[in-house]
Amino acid sequence: MTKTLLIADDAAIMREIIKDTARANGWTVVAEACNGQQAVDYYAEHKPDVVTMDLVMPEYDGLHGVRGILKADPKARVLVVSAIDQKDVLKEAFRAGATDFIVKPFDRRGLLDALETLVASAQA
């Protein structure tokens, strides 16, 4: 079974790290977004199994993306991947519907474990 991923991060290097890690472990990256609104649009188009979402992005931030995706699909799986450690912003992301959170910089195994846990929970 193909596992699909949408990556939302304004930093190209972070998108590459996430993409390389996912692809090396059997995932298909269906789209890459540079801001929260692009993530919402690409989610509607591709309906991936999991979304990775940075919180701090230009124009439309990750909270905008989480809210928009979960409004369109309450069962969406969104993994927040962010360097931000502000408790209030993280709490808001969970209130908006984020499923899990990992902190940048992350180790690739931790990222993969989080992705696999989310896709397994979607299939349960």
PDB file of N, CA and C in Angstrom:
ATOM      1  N   MET A   1       0.833  -1.189   0.000  1.00  0.00           N
ATOM      2  CA  MET A   1       0.000   0.000   0.000  1.00  0.00           C
ATOM      3  C   MET A   1       0.879   1.254   0.000  1.00  0.00           C
ATOM      4  N   THR A   2       0.557   2.170  -0.863  1.00  0.00           N
ATOM      5  CA  THR A   2       1.298   3.421  -0.946  1.00  0.00           C
ATOM      6  C   THR A   2       0.860   4.349   0.178  1.00  0.00           C
ATOM      7  N   LYS A   3       1.835   4.933   0.872  1.00  0.00           N
ATOM      8  CA  LYS A   3       1.565   5.922   1.912  1.00  0.00           C
ATOM      9  C   LYS A   3       1.905   7.278   1.317  1.00  0.00           C
ATOM     10  N   THR A   4       0.971   8.226   1.409  1.00  0.00           N
ATOM     11  CA  THR A   4       1.162   9.524   0.769  1.00  0.00           C
ATOM     12  C   THR A   4       1.353  10.633   1.791  1.00  0.00           C
ATOM     13  N   LEU A   5       2.168  11.625   1.384  1.00  0.00           N
ATOM     14  CA  LEU A   5       2.561  12.700   2.288  1.00  0.00           C
ATOM     15  C   LEU A   5       2.522  14.037   1.578  1.00  0.00           C
ATOM     16  N   LEU A   6       1.998  15.039   2.255  1.00  0.00           N
ATOM     17  CA  LEU A   6       2.070  16.445   1.849  1.00  0.00           C
ATOM     18  C   LEU A   6       2.991  17.133   2.840  1.00  0.00           C
ATOM     19  N   ILE A   7       3.995  17.842   2.333  1.00  0.00           N
ATOM     20  CA  ILE A   7       4.954  18.548   3.180  1.00  0.00           C
ATOM     21  C   ILE A   7       4.690  20.042   3.075  1.00  0.00           C
ATOM     22  N   ALA A   8       4.501  20.703   4.217  1.00  0.00           N
ATOM     23  CA  ALA A   8       4.304  22.156   4.247  1.00  0.00           C
ATOM     24  C   ALA A   8       5.385  22.787   5.117  1.00  0.00           C
ATOM     25  N   ASP A   9       6.305  23.481   4.455  1.00  0.00           N
ATOM     26  CA  ASP A   9       7.397  24.166   5.152  1.00  0.00           C
ATOM     27  C   ASP A   9       7.954  25.210   4.201  1.00  0.00           C
ATOM     28  N   ASP A  10       8.236  26.395   4.702  1.00  0.00           N
ATOM     29  CA  ASP A  10       8.768  27.437   3.820  1.00  0.00           C
ATOM     30  C   ASP A  10      10.249  27.260   3.526  1.00  0.00           C
ATOM     31  N   ALA A  11      10.948  26.420   4.278  1.00  0.00           N
ATOM     32  CA  ALA A  11      12.382  26.194   4.072  1.00  0.00           C
ATOM     33  C   ALA A  11      12.593  25.000   3.140  1.00  0.00           C
ATOM     34  N   ALA A  12      13.169  25.264   1.980  1.00  0.00           N
ATOM     35  CA  ALA A  12      13.389  24.211   0.988  1.00  0.00           C
ATOM     36  C   ALA A  12      14.233  23.069   1.551  1.00  0.00           C
ATOM     37  N   ILE A  13      15.234  23.387   2.373  1.00  0.00           N
ATOM     38  CA  ILE A  13      16.098  22.337   2.916  1.00  0.00           C
ATOM     39  C   ILE A  13      15.308  21.410   3.833  1.00  0.00           C
ATOM     40  N   MET A  14      14.373  21.947   4.602  1.00  0.00           N
ATOM     41  CA  MET A  14      13.552  21.099   5.475  1.00  0.00           C
ATOM     42  C   MET A  14      12.628  20.220   4.643  1.00  0.00           C
ATOM     43  N   ARG A  15      12.058  20.783   3.577  1.00  0.00           N
ATOM     44  CA  ARG A  15      11.207  19.969   2.702  1.00  0.00           C
ATOM     45  C   ARG A  15      12.017  18.817   2.113  1.00  0.00           C
ATOM     46  N   GLU A  16      13.265  19.096   1.722  1.00  0.00           N
ATOM     47  CA  GLU A  16      14.124  18.056   1.146  1.00  0.00           C
ATOM     48  C   GLU A  16      14.444  16.963   2.161  1.00  0.00           C
ATOM     49  N   ILE A  17      14.756  17.354   3.395  1.00  0.00           N
ATOM     50  CA  ILE A  17      15.073  16.368   4.433  1.00  0.00           C
ATOM     51  C   ILE A  17      13.863  15.482   4.704  1.00  0.00           C
ATOM     52  N   ILE A  18      12.704  16.089   4.854  1.00  0.00           N
ATOM     53  CA  ILE A  18      11.487  15.315   5.106  1.00  0.00           C
ATOM     54  C   ILE A  18      11.182  14.420   3.907  1.00  0.00           C
ATOM     55  N   LYS A  19      11.279  14.989   2.701  1.00  0.00           N
ATOM     56  CA  LYS A  19      10.988  14.227   1.485  1.00  0.00           C
ATOM     57  C   LYS A  19      11.946  13.047   1.341  1.00  0.00           C
ATOM     58  N   ASP A  20      13.243  13.282   1.515  1.00  0.00           N
ATOM     59  CA  ASP A  20      14.229  12.206   1.380  1.00  0.00           C
ATOM     60  C   ASP A  20      13.986  11.097   2.403  1.00  0.00           C
ATOM     61  N   THR A  21      13.693  11.481   3.629  1.00  0.00           N
ATOM     62  CA  THR A  21      13.432  10.495   4.685  1.00  0.00           C
ATOM     63  C   THR A  21      12.198   9.673   4.351  1.00  0.00           C
ATOM     64  N   ALA A  22      11.139  10.340   3.957  1.00  0.00           N
ATOM     65  CA  ALA A  22       9.892   9.641   3.647  1.00  0.00           C
ATOM     66  C   ALA A  22      10.066   8.717   2.442  1.00  0.00           C
ATOM     67  N   ARG A  23      10.619   9.234   1.376  1.00  0.00           N
ATOM     68  CA  ARG A  23      10.789   8.426   0.152  1.00  0.00           C
ATOM     69  C   ARG A  23      11.678   7.213   0.378  1.00  0.00           C
ATOM     70  N   ALA A  24      12.720   7.378   1.169  1.00  0.00           N
ATOM     71  CA  ALA A  24      13.625   6.264   1.449  1.00  0.00           C
ATOM     72  C   ALA A  24      12.942   5.150   2.231  1.00  0.00           C
ATOM     73  N   ASN A  25      11.777   5.457   2.762  1.00  0.00           N
ATOM     74  CA  ASN A  25      11.051   4.483   3.575  1.00  0.00           C
ATOM     75  C   ASN A  25       9.681   4.156   2.996  1.00  0.00           C
ATOM     76  N   GLY A  26       9.544   4.308   1.682  1.00  0.00           N
ATOM     77  CA  GLY A  26       8.353   3.836   0.992  1.00  0.00           C
ATOM     78  C   GLY A  26       7.192   4.798   0.858  1.00  0.00           C
ATOM     79  N   TRP A  27       7.380   6.039   1.246  1.00  0.00           N
ATOM     80  CA  TRP A  27       6.320   7.031   1.139  1.00  0.00           C
ATOM     81  C   TRP A  27       6.364   7.713  -0.226  1.00  0.00           C
ATOM     82  N   THR A  28       5.212   8.179  -0.685  1.00  0.00           N
ATOM     83  CA  THR A  28       5.121   8.995  -1.887  1.00  0.00           C
ATOM     84  C   THR A  28       4.766  10.412  -1.466  1.00  0.00           C
ATOM     85  N   VAL A  29       5.612  11.370  -1.824  1.00  0.00           N
ATOM     86  CA  VAL A  29       5.332  12.777  -1.534  1.00  0.00           C
ATOM     87  C   VAL A  29       4.490  13.310  -2.686  1.00  0.00           C
ATOM     88  N   VAL A  30       3.239  13.689  -2.377  1.00  0.00           N
ATOM     89  CA  VAL A  30       2.303  14.111  -3.428  1.00  0.00           C
ATOM     90  C   VAL A  30       2.381  15.599  -3.714  1.00  0.00           C
ATOM     91  N   ALA A  31       2.869  16.400  -2.748  1.00  0.00           N
ATOM     92  CA  ALA A  31       2.976  17.847  -2.961  1.00  0.00           C
ATOM     93  C   ALA A  31       3.819  18.464  -1.863  1.00  0.00           C
ATOM     94  N   GLU A  32       4.350  19.665  -2.177  1.00  0.00           N
ATOM     95  CA  GLU A  32       5.122  20.452  -1.219  1.00  0.00           C
ATOM     96  C   GLU A  32       4.555  21.864  -1.208  1.00  0.00           C
ATOM     97  N   ALA A  33       4.195  22.337  -0.025  1.00  0.00           N
ATOM     98  CA  ALA A  33       3.622  23.674   0.134  1.00  0.00           C
ATOM     99  C   ALA A  33       4.612  24.580   0.857  1.00  0.00           C
ATOM    100  N   CYS A  34       4.569  25.877   0.512  1.00  0.00           N
ATOM    101  CA  CYS A  34       5.457  26.866   1.133  1.00  0.00           C
ATOM    102  C   CYS A  34       4.748  27.704   2.187  1.00  0.00           C
ATOM    103  N   ASN A  35       3.424  27.568   2.299  1.00  0.00           N
ATOM    104  CA  ASN A  35       2.676  28.282   3.335  1.00  0.00           C
ATOM    105  C   ASN A  35       1.388  27.527   3.640  1.00  0.00           C
ATOM    106  N   GLY A  36       0.690  27.990   4.665  1.00  0.00           N
ATOM    107  CA  GLY A  36      -0.504  27.301   5.131  1.00  0.00           C
ATOM    108  C   GLY A  36      -1.627  27.227   4.113  1.00  0.00           C
ATOM    109  N   GLN A  37      -1.819  28.270   3.318  1.00  0.00           N
ATOM    110  CA  GLN A  37      -2.893  28.235   2.326  1.00  0.00           C
ATOM    111  C   GLN A  37      -2.585  27.255   1.204  1.00  0.00           C
ATOM    112  N   GLN A  38      -1.331  27.211   0.778  1.00  0.00           N
ATOM    113  CA  GLN A  38      -0.956  26.210  -0.225  1.00  0.00           C
ATOM    114  C   GLN A  38      -1.212  24.808   0.319  1.00  0.00           C
ATOM    115  N   ALA A  39      -0.912  24.585   1.588  1.00  0.00           N
ATOM    116  CA  ALA A  39      -1.151  23.282   2.201  1.00  0.00           C
ATOM    117  C   ALA A  39      -2.629  22.915   2.145  1.00  0.00           C
ATOM    118  N   VAL A  40      -3.489  23.865   2.451  1.00  0.00           N
ATOM    119  CA  VAL A  40      -4.936  23.624   2.396  1.00  0.00           C
ATOM    120  C   VAL A  40      -5.339  23.260   0.964  1.00  0.00           C
ATOM    121  N   ASP A  41      -4.863  24.030   0.004  1.00  0.00           N
ATOM    122  CA  ASP A  41      -5.201  23.793  -1.402  1.00  0.00           C
ATOM    123  C   ASP A  41      -4.686  22.433  -1.878  1.00  0.00           C
ATOM    124  N   TYR A  42      -3.429  22.115  -1.562  1.00  0.00           N
ATOM    125  CA  TYR A  42      -2.853  20.847  -1.994  1.00  0.00           C
ATOM    126  C   TYR A  42      -3.507  19.664  -1.280  1.00  0.00           C
ATOM    127  N   TYR A  43      -3.912  19.859  -0.032  1.00  0.00           N
ATOM    128  CA  TYR A  43      -4.606  18.786   0.672  1.00  0.00           C
ATOM    129  C   TYR A  43      -5.914  18.459  -0.053  1.00  0.00           C
ATOM    130  N   ALA A  44      -6.665  19.481  -0.417  1.00  0.00           N
ATOM    131  CA  ALA A  44      -7.930  19.266  -1.118  1.00  0.00           C
ATOM    132  C   ALA A  44      -7.713  18.534  -2.441  1.00  0.00           C
ATOM    133  N   GLU A  45      -6.627  18.845  -3.103  1.00  0.00           N
ATOM    134  CA  GLU A  45      -6.328  18.241  -4.399  1.00  0.00           C
ATOM    135  C   GLU A  45      -5.845  16.793  -4.282  1.00  0.00           C
ATOM    136  N   HIS A  46      -4.998  16.501  -3.291  1.00  0.00           N
ATOM    137  CA  HIS A  46      -4.317  15.204  -3.221  1.00  0.00           C
ATOM    138  C   HIS A  46      -4.813  14.262  -2.132  1.00  0.00           C
ATOM    139  N   LYS A  47      -5.463  14.760  -1.099  1.00  0.00           N
ATOM    140  CA  LYS A  47      -5.945  13.950   0.028  1.00  0.00           C
ATOM    141  C   LYS A  47      -4.879  12.962   0.535  1.00  0.00           C
ATOM    142  N   PRO A  48      -3.724  13.471   0.976  1.00  0.00           N
ATOM    143  CA  PRO A  48      -2.652  12.577   1.442  1.00  0.00           C
ATOM    144  C   PRO A  48      -3.018  11.888   2.756  1.00  0.00           C
ATOM    145  N   ASP A  49      -2.287  10.823   3.053  1.00  0.00           N
ATOM    146  CA  ASP A  49      -2.498  10.110   4.316  1.00  0.00           C
ATOM    147  C   ASP A  49      -2.064  10.953   5.506  1.00  0.00           C
ATOM    148  N   VAL A  50      -0.954  11.697   5.335  1.00  0.00           N
ATOM    149  CA  VAL A  50      -0.397  12.515   6.417  1.00  0.00           C
ATOM    150  C   VAL A  50       0.109  13.833   5.839  1.00  0.00           C
ATOM    151  N   VAL A  51       0.035  14.883   6.649  1.00  0.00           N
ATOM    152  CA  VAL A  51       0.590  16.190   6.313  1.00  0.00           C
ATOM    153  C   VAL A  51       1.630  16.541   7.372  1.00  0.00           C
ATOM    154  N   THR A  52       2.815  16.993   6.943  1.00  0.00           N
ATOM    155  CA  THR A  52       3.740  17.599   7.895  1.00  0.00           C
ATOM    156  C   THR A  52       3.578  19.106   7.752  1.00  0.00           C
ATOM    157  N   MET A  53       3.489  19.804   8.875  1.00  0.00           N
ATOM    158  CA  MET A  53       3.167  21.230   8.853  1.00  0.00           C
ATOM    159  C   MET A  53       4.103  22.025   9.752  1.00  0.00           C
ATOM    160  N   ASP A  54       4.871  22.925   9.139  1.00  0.00           N
ATOM    161  CA  ASP A  54       5.640  23.898   9.908  1.00  0.00           C
ATOM    162  C   ASP A  54       4.643  24.928  10.432  1.00  0.00           C
ATOM    163  N   LEU A  55       4.929  25.541  11.563  1.00  0.00           N
ATOM    164  CA  LEU A  55       4.016  26.550  12.098  1.00  0.00           C
ATOM    165  C   LEU A  55       4.360  27.961  11.644  1.00  0.00           C
ATOM    166  N   VAL A  56       5.637  28.253  11.481  1.00  0.00           N
ATOM    167  CA  VAL A  56       6.060  29.604  11.138  1.00  0.00           C
ATOM    168  C   VAL A  56       6.391  29.656   9.647  1.00  0.00           C
ATOM    169  N   MET A  57       5.477  30.251   8.881  1.00  0.00           N
ATOM    170  CA  MET A  57       5.656  30.396   7.437  1.00  0.00           C
ATOM    171  C   MET A  57       5.092  31.753   7.026  1.00  0.00           C
ATOM    172  N   PRO A  58       5.572  32.291   5.894  1.00  0.00           N
ATOM    173  CA  PRO A  58       5.090  33.605   5.439  1.00  0.00           C
ATOM    174  C   PRO A  58       3.666  33.539   4.895  1.00  0.00           C
ATOM    175  N   GLU A  59       3.050  34.680   4.820  1.00  0.00           N
ATOM    176  CA  GLU A  59       1.695  34.866   4.303  1.00  0.00           C
ATOM    177  C   GLU A  59       0.656  34.173   5.171  1.00  0.00           C
ATOM    178  N   TYR A  60       0.541  32.867   5.044  1.00  0.00           N
ATOM    179  CA  TYR A  60      -0.405  32.088   5.847  1.00  0.00           C
ATOM    180  C   TYR A  60       0.387  31.068   6.645  1.00  0.00           C
ATOM    181  N   ASP A  61       0.311  31.158   7.976  1.00  0.00           N
ATOM    182  CA  ASP A  61       1.125  30.287   8.822  1.00  0.00           C
ATOM    183  C   ASP A  61       0.554  28.870   8.916  1.00  0.00           C
ATOM    184  N   GLY A  62       1.260  28.048   9.669  1.00  0.00           N
ATOM    185  CA  GLY A  62       0.844  26.665   9.827  1.00  0.00           C
ATOM    186  C   GLY A  62      -0.465  26.497  10.565  1.00  0.00           C
ATOM    187  N   LEU A  63      -0.776  27.395  11.495  1.00  0.00           N
ATOM    188  CA  LEU A  63      -2.074  27.309  12.169  1.00  0.00           C
ATOM    189  C   LEU A  63      -3.210  27.493  11.166  1.00  0.00           C
ATOM    190  N   HIS A  64      -3.039  28.415  10.230  1.00  0.00           N
ATOM    191  CA  HIS A  64      -4.021  28.602   9.165  1.00  0.00           C
ATOM    192  C   HIS A  64      -4.169  27.290   8.387  1.00  0.00           C
ATOM    193  N   GLY A  65      -3.038  26.650   8.083  1.00  0.00           N
ATOM    194  CA  GLY A  65      -3.066  25.391   7.349  1.00  0.00           C
ATOM    195  C   GLY A  65      -3.760  24.283   8.120  1.00  0.00           C
ATOM    196  N   VAL A  66      -3.421  24.131   9.390  1.00  0.00           N
ATOM    197  CA  VAL A  66      -4.051  23.091  10.212  1.00  0.00           C
ATOM    198  C   VAL A  66      -5.556  23.314  10.275  1.00  0.00           C
ATOM    199  N   ARG A  67      -5.960  24.544  10.551  1.00  0.00           N
ATOM    200  CA  ARG A  67      -7.396  24.841  10.645  1.00  0.00           C
ATOM    201  C   ARG A  67      -8.129  24.542   9.336  1.00  0.00           C
ATOM    202  N   GLY A  68      -7.544  24.987   8.227  1.00  0.00           N
ATOM    203  CA  GLY A  68      -8.192  24.786   6.938  1.00  0.00           C
ATOM    204  C   GLY A  68      -8.303  23.323   6.551  1.00  0.00           C
ATOM    205  N   ILE A  69      -7.249  22.573   6.789  1.00  0.00           N
ATOM    206  CA  ILE A  69      -7.260  21.150   6.446  1.00  0.00           C
ATOM    207  C   ILE A  69      -8.267  20.397   7.306  1.00  0.00           C
ATOM    208  N   LEU A  70      -8.247  20.657   8.615  1.00  0.00           N
ATOM    209  CA  LEU A  70      -9.158  19.940   9.510  1.00  0.00           C
ATOM    210  C   LEU A  70     -10.607  20.367   9.322  1.00  0.00           C
ATOM    211  N   LYS A  71     -10.829  21.585   8.881  1.00  0.00           N
ATOM    212  CA  LYS A  71     -12.201  22.018   8.578  1.00  0.00           C
ATOM    213  C   LYS A  71     -12.730  21.227   7.376  1.00  0.00           C
ATOM    214  N   ALA A  72     -11.866  21.031   6.382  1.00  0.00           N
ATOM    215  CA  ALA A  72     -12.267  20.293   5.185  1.00  0.00           C
ATOM    216  C   ALA A  72     -12.351  18.789   5.442  1.00  0.00           C
ATOM    217  N   ASP A  73     -11.496  18.279   6.312  1.00  0.00           N
ATOM    218  CA  ASP A  73     -11.448  16.843   6.580  1.00  0.00           C
ATOM    219  C   ASP A  73     -11.080  16.611   8.041  1.00  0.00           C
ATOM    220  N   PRO A  74     -12.081  16.463   8.909  1.00  0.00           N
ATOM    221  CA  PRO A  74     -11.818  16.275  10.338  1.00  0.00           C
ATOM    222  C   PRO A  74     -10.975  15.042  10.666  1.00  0.00           C
ATOM    223  N   LYS A  75     -10.846  14.107   9.725  1.00  0.00           N
ATOM    224  CA  LYS A  75     -10.050  12.900   9.963  1.00  0.00           C
ATOM    225  C   LYS A  75      -8.610  13.044   9.463  1.00  0.00           C
ATOM    226  N   ALA A  76      -8.244  14.202   8.953  1.00  0.00           N
ATOM    227  CA  ALA A  76      -6.891  14.416   8.440  1.00  0.00           C
ATOM    228  C   ALA A  76      -5.869  14.210   9.553  1.00  0.00           C
ATOM    229  N   ARG A  77      -4.704  13.714   9.164  1.00  0.00           N
ATOM    230  CA  ARG A  77      -3.602  13.493  10.094  1.00  0.00           C
ATOM    231  C   ARG A  77      -2.543  14.550   9.811  1.00  0.00           C
ATOM    232  N   VAL A  78      -2.334  15.455  10.775  1.00  0.00           N
ATOM    233  CA  VAL A  78      -1.372  16.549  10.610  1.00  0.00           C
ATOM    234  C   VAL A  78      -0.302  16.444  11.683  1.00  0.00           C
ATOM    235  N   LEU A  79       0.934  16.294  11.225  1.00  0.00           N
ATOM    236  CA  LEU A  79       2.098  16.242  12.103  1.00  0.00           C
ATOM    237  C   LEU A  79       2.777  17.606  12.050  1.00  0.00           C
ATOM    238  N   VAL A  80       2.750  18.335  13.152  1.00  0.00           N
ATOM    239  CA  VAL A  80       3.427  19.622  13.211  1.00  0.00           C
ATOM    240  C   VAL A  80       4.919  19.353  13.377  1.00  0.00           C
ATOM    241  N   VAL A  81       5.716  19.930  12.480  1.00  0.00           N
ATOM    242  CA  VAL A  81       7.170  19.797  12.504  1.00  0.00           C
ATOM    243  C   VAL A  81       7.708  21.220  12.555  1.00  0.00           C
ATOM    244  N   SER A  82       8.091  21.662  13.749  1.00  0.00           N
ATOM    245  CA  SER A  82       8.443  23.071  13.892  1.00  0.00           C
ATOM    246  C   SER A  82       9.518  23.282  14.936  1.00  0.00           C
ATOM    247  N   ALA A  83      10.323  24.304  14.724  1.00  0.00           N
ATOM    248  CA  ALA A  83      11.348  24.678  15.696  1.00  0.00           C
ATOM    249  C   ALA A  83      10.756  25.503  16.827  1.00  0.00           C
ATOM    250  N   ILE A  84       9.569  25.971  16.622  1.00  0.00           N
ATOM    251  CA  ILE A  84       8.944  26.836  17.610  1.00  0.00           C
ATOM    252  C   ILE A  84       8.649  26.040  18.883  1.00  0.00           C
ATOM    253  N   ASP A  85       8.954  26.618  20.014  1.00  0.00           N
ATOM    254  CA  ASP A  85       8.701  25.921  21.268  1.00  0.00           C
ATOM    255  C   ASP A  85       7.791  26.724  22.186  1.00  0.00           C
ATOM    256  N   GLN A  86       7.027  27.603  21.597  1.00  0.00           N
ATOM    257  CA  GLN A  86       6.100  28.407  22.388  1.00  0.00           C
ATOM    258  C   GLN A  86       4.869  27.568  22.710  1.00  0.00           C
ATOM    259  N   LYS A  87       4.648  27.357  23.983  1.00  0.00           N
ATOM    260  CA  LYS A  87       3.560  26.482  24.415  1.00  0.00           C
ATOM    261  C   LYS A  87       2.202  26.943  23.907  1.00  0.00           C
ATOM    262  N   ASP A  88       1.970  28.250  23.873  1.00  0.00           N
ATOM    263  CA  ASP A  88       0.668  28.756  23.440  1.00  0.00           C
ATOM    264  C   ASP A  88       0.384  28.414  21.986  1.00  0.00           C
ATOM    265  N   VAL A  89       1.396  28.542  21.132  1.00  0.00           N
ATOM    266  CA  VAL A  89       1.211  28.236  19.709  1.00  0.00           C
ATOM    267  C   VAL A  89       0.993  26.743  19.517  1.00  0.00           C
ATOM    268  N   LEU A  90       1.748  25.936  20.238  1.00  0.00           N
ATOM    269  CA  LEU A  90       1.572  24.489  20.148  1.00  0.00           C
ATOM    270  C   LEU A  90       0.182  24.081  20.634  1.00  0.00           C
ATOM    271  N   LYS A  91      -0.248  24.645  21.749  1.00  0.00           N
ATOM    272  CA  LYS A  91      -1.593  24.350  22.248  1.00  0.00           C
ATOM    273  C   LYS A  91      -2.648  24.723  21.214  1.00  0.00           C
ATOM    274  N   GLU A  92      -2.473  25.865  20.571  1.00  0.00           N
ATOM    275  CA  GLU A  92      -3.415  26.301  19.545  1.00  0.00           C
ATOM    276  C   GLU A  92      -3.434  25.331  18.365  1.00  0.00           C
ATOM    277  N   ALA A  93      -2.276  24.809  17.992  1.00  0.00           N
ATOM    278  CA  ALA A  93      -2.205  23.834  16.896  1.00  0.00           C
ATOM    279  C   ALA A  93      -2.984  22.569  17.255  1.00  0.00           C
ATOM    280  N   PHE A  94      -2.862  22.109  18.487  1.00  0.00           N
ATOM    281  CA  PHE A  94      -3.628  20.932  18.903  1.00  0.00           C
ATOM    282  C   PHE A  94      -5.120  21.231  18.988  1.00  0.00           C
ATOM    283  N   ARG A  95      -5.472  22.423  19.469  1.00  0.00           N
ATOM    284  CA  ARG A  95      -6.889  22.820  19.494  1.00  0.00           C
ATOM    285  C   ARG A  95      -7.458  22.867  18.079  1.00  0.00           C
ATOM    286  N   ALA A  96      -6.623  23.249  17.123  1.00  0.00           N
ATOM    287  CA  ALA A  96      -7.060  23.330  15.730  1.00  0.00           C
ATOM    288  C   ALA A  96      -7.174  21.950  15.092  1.00  0.00           C
ATOM    289  N   GLY A  97      -6.580  20.942  15.723  1.00  0.00           N
ATOM    290  CA  GLY A  97      -6.728  19.592  15.211  1.00  0.00           C
ATOM    291  C   GLY A  97      -5.452  18.865  14.851  1.00  0.00           C
ATOM    292  N   ALA A  98      -4.278  19.468  15.097  1.00  0.00           N
ATOM    293  CA  ALA A  98      -3.022  18.764  14.817  1.00  0.00           C
ATOM    294  C   ALA A  98      -3.008  17.447  15.585  1.00  0.00           C
ATOM    295  N   THR A  99      -2.440  16.423  14.972  1.00  0.00           N
ATOM    296  CA  THR A  99      -2.458  15.091  15.549  1.00  0.00           C
ATOM    297  C   THR A  99      -1.246  14.811  16.423  1.00  0.00           C
ATOM    298  N   ASP A 100      -0.088  15.344  16.029  1.00  0.00           N
ATOM    299  CA  ASP A 100       1.143  15.101  16.775  1.00  0.00           C
ATOM    300  C   ASP A 100       2.119  16.232  16.484  1.00  0.00           C
ATOM    301  N   PHE A 101       3.263  16.222  17.172  1.00  0.00           N
ATOM    302  CA  PHE A 101       4.236  17.310  17.071  1.00  0.00           C
ATOM    303  C   PHE A 101       5.633  16.753  17.255  1.00  0.00           C
ATOM    304  N   ILE A 102       6.569  17.178  16.394  1.00  0.00           N
ATOM    305  CA  ILE A 102       7.983  16.916  16.634  1.00  0.00           C
ATOM    306  C   ILE A 102       8.736  18.230  16.455  1.00  0.00           C
ATOM    307  N   VAL A 103       9.835  18.355  17.185  1.00  0.00           N
ATOM    308  CA  VAL A 103      10.588  19.602  17.219  1.00  0.00           C
ATOM    309  C   VAL A 103      11.781  19.523  16.264  1.00  0.00           C
ATOM    310  N   LYS A 104      11.982  20.605  15.496  1.00  0.00           N
ATOM    311  CA  LYS A 104      13.195  20.749  14.683  1.00  0.00           C
ATOM    312  C   LYS A 104      14.315  21.236  15.598  1.00  0.00           C
ATOM    313  N   PRO A 105      15.521  20.808  15.421  1.00  0.00           N
ATOM    314  CA  PRO A 105      15.907  19.746  14.493  1.00  0.00           C
ATOM    315  C   PRO A 105      15.482  18.395  15.047  1.00  0.00           C
ATOM    316  N   PHE A 106      15.120  17.493  14.163  1.00  0.00           N
ATOM    317  CA  PHE A 106      14.656  16.170  14.556  1.00  0.00           C
ATOM    318  C   PHE A 106      15.601  15.132  13.965  1.00  0.00           C
ATOM    319  N   ASP A 107      15.577  13.935  14.536  1.00  0.00           N
ATOM    320  CA  ASP A 107      16.336  12.859  13.903  1.00  0.00           C
ATOM    321  C   ASP A 107      15.381  12.154  12.937  1.00  0.00           C
ATOM    322  N   ARG A 108      15.939  11.631  11.880  1.00  0.00           N
ATOM    323  CA  ARG A 108      15.117  11.036  10.820  1.00  0.00           C
ATOM    324  C   ARG A 108      14.284   9.865  11.324  1.00  0.00           C
ATOM    325  N   ARG A 109      14.827   9.098  12.253  1.00  0.00           N
ATOM    326  CA  ARG A 109      14.080   7.964  12.800  1.00  0.00           C
ATOM    327  C   ARG A 109      12.840   8.463  13.546  1.00  0.00           C
ATOM    328  N   GLY A 110      12.996   9.548  14.303  1.00  0.00           N
ATOM    329  CA  GLY A 110      11.856  10.112  15.026  1.00  0.00           C
ATOM    330  C   GLY A 110      10.772  10.597  14.079  1.00  0.00           C
ATOM    331  N   LEU A 111      11.180  11.237  12.987  1.00  0.00           N
ATOM    332  CA  LEU A 111      10.219  11.682  11.985  1.00  0.00           C
ATOM    333  C   LEU A 111       9.487  10.494  11.385  1.00  0.00           C
ATOM    334  N   LEU A 112      10.230   9.488  10.983  1.00  0.00           N
ATOM    335  CA  LEU A 112       9.623   8.316  10.364  1.00  0.00           C
ATOM    336  C   LEU A 112       8.681   7.607  11.336  1.00  0.00           C
ATOM    337  N   ASP A 113       9.095   7.468  12.584  1.00  0.00           N
ATOM    338  CA  ASP A 113       8.226   6.836  13.588  1.00  0.00           C
ATOM    339  C   ASP A 113       6.910   7.599  13.728  1.00  0.00           C
ATOM    340  N   ALA A 114       6.982   8.927  13.759  1.00  0.00           N
ATOM    341  CA  ALA A 114       5.764   9.742  13.879  1.00  0.00           C
ATOM    342  C   ALA A 114       4.872   9.566  12.654  1.00  0.00           C
ATOM    343  N   LEU A 115       5.467   9.578  11.460  1.00  0.00           N
ATOM    344  CA  LEU A 115       4.678   9.379  10.236  1.00  0.00           C
ATOM    345  C   LEU A 115       3.996   8.014  10.231  1.00  0.00           C
ATOM    346  N   GLU A 116       4.750   6.984  10.568  1.00  0.00           N
ATOM    347  CA  GLU A 116       4.200   5.627  10.563  1.00  0.00           C
ATOM    348  C   GLU A 116       3.082   5.469  11.598  1.00  0.00           C
ATOM    349  N   THR A 117       3.250   6.092  12.759  1.00  0.00           N
ATOM    350  CA  THR A 117       2.203   6.035  13.788  1.00  0.00           C
ATOM    351  C   THR A 117       0.922   6.694  13.287  1.00  0.00           C
ATOM    352  N   LEU A 118       1.062   7.829  12.623  1.00  0.00           N
ATOM    353  CA  LEU A 118      -0.127   8.544  12.127  1.00  0.00           C
ATOM    354  C   LEU A 118      -0.823   7.774  11.012  1.00  0.00           C
ATOM    355  N   VAL A 119      -0.078   7.201  10.093  1.00  0.00           N
ATOM    356  CA  VAL A 119      -0.724   6.466   9.011  1.00  0.00           C
ATOM    357  C   VAL A 119      -1.379   5.193   9.550  1.00  0.00           C
ATOM    358  N   ALA A 120      -0.762   4.566  10.540  1.00  0.00           N
ATOM    359  CA  ALA A 120      -1.370   3.373  11.149  1.00  0.00           C
ATOM    360  C   ALA A 120      -2.656   3.736  11.873  1.00  0.00           C
ATOM    361  N   SER A 121      -2.692   4.875  12.544  1.00  0.00           N
ATOM    362  CA  SER A 121      -3.899   5.285  13.267  1.00  0.00           C
ATOM    363  C   SER A 121      -5.027   5.618  12.304  1.00  0.00           C
ATOM    364  N   ALA A 122      -4.689   6.081  11.107  1.00  0.00           N
ATOM    365  CA  ALA A 122      -5.705   6.402  10.103  1.00  0.00           C
ATOM    366  C   ALA A 122      -6.333   5.126   9.558  1.00  0.00           C
ATOM    367  N   GLN A 123      -5.578   4.045   9.540  1.00  0.00           N
ATOM    368  CA  GLN A 123      -6.070   2.777   8.991  1.00  0.00           C
ATOM    369  C   GLN A 123      -6.804   1.951  10.023  1.00  0.00           C
ATOM    370  N   ALA A 124      -6.670   2.303  11.287  1.00  0.00           N
ATOM    371  CA  ALA A 124      -7.299   1.521  12.366  1.00  0.00           C
ATOM    372  C   ALA A 124      -8.795   1.743  12.424  1.00  0.00           C
TER     373      ALA A 124
END
